[in-house]
């Protein structure tokens, strides 16, 4: 189905669906552009002007049931956790990219929003105990 119908079924706007697509929250899918018959001598077709109204790559966005379910899930997560599409997209990036995940975890630990992983906590306790023992000597 086209983007306007998908937006209507989801209770959102085509613009919001395009925004979600730009954030990577749904795959870009397009219907192939219809082929125009050749015209002119030698089968050359007139070229479209490259200004407003020109179609690059042609076709229309198509949304299937899988895309609709993905957007519906995203909308539910956003509502449930009071976040926007950009925050959800960043959350997905954190899950997908180990380096980003490590840096966000480091920040969370530094500002006290996350506790240190158990191995680090044990290392800290070990170091603390060694310092206490050294003081007693």
Protein backbone atom coordinates (compact mmCIF):
# COMPACT_ATOMS: atom_id res chain seq x y z
CA UNK A 1 0.00 0.00 0.00
CA UNK A 2 1.10 3.57 -0.55
CA UNK A 3 2.35 5.82 2.22
CA UNK A 4 -0.91 7.78 2.54
CA UNK A 5 -2.92 4.60 3.16
CA UNK A 6 -0.27 3.28 5.59
CA UNK A 7 -0.31 6.57 7.50
CA UNK A 8 -4.10 6.53 7.67
CA UNK A 9 -4.13 2.96 9.03
CA UNK A 10 -1.49 3.81 11.64
CA UNK A 11 -3.10 7.09 12.68
CA UNK A 12 -0.08 9.16 11.70
CA UNK A 13 0.98 11.32 8.76
CA UNK A 14 2.95 10.46 5.62
CA UNK A 15 5.51 13.04 6.70
CA UNK A 16 6.04 11.22 10.02
CA UNK A 17 6.47 7.91 8.19
CA UNK A 18 9.11 9.50 5.94
CA UNK A 19 10.84 10.89 9.05
CA UNK A 20 10.87 7.44 10.65
CA UNK A 21 12.29 6.01 7.44
CA UNK A 22 15.05 8.64 7.44
CA UNK A 23 15.95 7.62 11.01
CA UNK A 24 16.23 3.97 9.98
CA UNK A 25 13.15 2.85 11.89
CA UNK A 26 11.74 1.12 8.83
CA UNK A 27 13.28 -0.09 5.61
CA UNK A 28 12.92 2.00 2.48
CA UNK A 29 10.73 0.12 0.03
CA UNK A 30 9.66 1.39 -3.35
CA UNK A 31 7.48 0.09 -6.11
CA UNK A 32 9.38 0.04 -9.41
CA UNK A 33 8.52 2.91 -11.72
CA UNK A 34 6.40 1.91 -14.71
CA UNK A 35 8.38 1.74 -17.94
CA UNK A 36 7.34 4.26 -20.55
CA UNK A 37 7.34 3.21 -24.18
CA UNK A 38 10.25 4.49 -26.23
CA UNK A 39 9.51 7.55 -28.34
CA UNK A 40 11.35 9.57 -30.92
CA UNK A 41 13.86 8.41 -33.51
CA UNK A 42 16.13 5.59 -32.40
CA UNK A 43 13.92 4.84 -29.40
CA UNK A 44 15.20 7.79 -27.37
CA UNK A 45 12.88 8.94 -24.62
CA UNK A 46 12.70 12.58 -23.69
CA UNK A 47 14.49 13.20 -20.39
CA UNK A 48 12.62 14.69 -17.44
CA UNK A 49 13.76 18.08 -16.30
CA UNK A 50 15.86 17.94 -13.16
CA UNK A 51 13.83 20.60 -11.35
CA UNK A 52 10.67 20.37 -9.28
CA UNK A 53 8.45 17.49 -10.15
CA UNK A 54 11.20 15.34 -11.65
CA UNK A 55 11.13 11.79 -10.37
CA UNK A 56 14.48 10.38 -9.38
CA UNK A 57 14.50 6.60 -9.25
CA UNK A 58 10.73 6.67 -9.76
CA UNK A 59 8.13 4.63 -8.00
CA UNK A 60 6.07 5.06 -4.87
CA UNK A 61 6.73 3.96 -1.31
CA UNK A 62 5.04 0.69 -0.58
CA UNK A 63 4.22 -0.56 2.90
CA UNK A 64 3.35 -4.16 3.61
CA UNK A 65 2.04 -5.77 6.77
CA UNK A 66 5.60 -6.26 8.13
CA UNK A 67 6.34 -2.52 7.84
CA UNK A 68 3.00 -1.63 9.43
CA UNK A 69 3.70 -3.96 12.36
CA UNK A 70 7.19 -2.46 12.82
CA UNK A 71 5.82 1.09 12.88
CA UNK A 72 2.99 0.08 15.22
CA UNK A 73 5.55 -1.47 17.60
CA UNK A 74 7.69 1.67 17.43
CA UNK A 75 4.64 3.84 18.19
CA UNK A 76 3.79 1.63 21.16
CA UNK A 77 7.36 1.81 22.54
CA UNK A 78 7.42 5.58 22.13
CA UNK A 79 4.13 5.99 23.96
CA UNK A 80 4.96 3.48 26.70
CA UNK A 81 8.39 4.96 27.49
CA UNK A 82 7.58 8.59 26.62
CA UNK A 83 10.28 8.90 23.96
CA UNK A 84 10.35 10.20 20.41
CA UNK A 85 11.39 8.51 17.17
CA UNK A 86 14.93 9.95 17.36
CA UNK A 87 15.48 8.51 20.85
CA UNK A 88 14.18 5.14 19.69
CA UNK A 89 16.50 5.21 16.68
CA UNK A 90 19.45 6.00 18.97
CA UNK A 91 18.47 3.13 21.27
CA UNK A 92 18.60 0.79 18.29
CA UNK A 93 22.01 2.18 17.35
CA UNK A 94 23.28 1.54 20.88
CA UNK A 95 22.10 -2.06 20.66
CA UNK A 96 23.59 -2.57 17.19
CA UNK A 97 27.00 -0.91 17.63
CA UNK A 98 29.20 -2.28 20.44
CA UNK A 99 31.44 0.81 20.56
CA UNK A 100 28.46 3.14 21.00
CA UNK A 101 27.05 0.78 23.62
CA UNK A 102 30.34 0.81 25.56
CA UNK A 103 30.58 4.61 25.50
CA UNK A 104 26.98 5.09 26.60
CA UNK A 105 27.52 2.55 29.40
CA UNK A 106 30.66 4.41 30.48
CA UNK A 107 28.69 7.66 30.62
CA UNK A 108 25.92 5.98 32.61
CA UNK A 109 28.43 4.68 35.14
CA UNK A 110 30.16 8.06 35.48
CA UNK A 111 26.95 9.94 36.17
CA UNK A 112 25.59 7.26 38.49
CA UNK A 113 22.69 6.13 36.29
CA UNK A 114 24.19 2.63 35.84
CA UNK A 115 26.10 0.46 38.26
CA UNK A 116 29.43 -0.99 37.22
CA UNK A 117 29.30 -4.49 35.76
CA UNK A 118 29.92 -7.20 38.40
CA UNK A 119 33.48 -7.97 37.24
CA UNK A 120 34.47 -4.31 37.57
CA UNK A 121 32.79 -4.07 40.95
CA UNK A 122 34.75 -7.08 42.17
CA UNK A 123 38.00 -5.57 40.86
CA UNK A 124 37.20 -2.36 42.73
CA UNK A 125 36.53 -4.26 45.97
CA UNK A 126 39.76 -6.23 45.49
CA UNK A 127 41.77 -3.04 45.00
CA UNK A 128 40.10 -1.47 48.02
CA UNK A 129 40.98 -4.48 50.19
CA UNK A 130 44.61 -4.43 48.98
CA UNK A 131 44.92 -0.73 49.84
CA UNK A 132 43.57 -1.37 53.34
CA UNK A 133 46.05 -4.21 53.83
CA UNK A 134 48.95 -2.03 52.67
CA UNK A 135 47.99 0.68 55.15
CA UNK A 136 48.06 -1.79 58.04
CA UNK A 137 51.61 -2.89 57.31
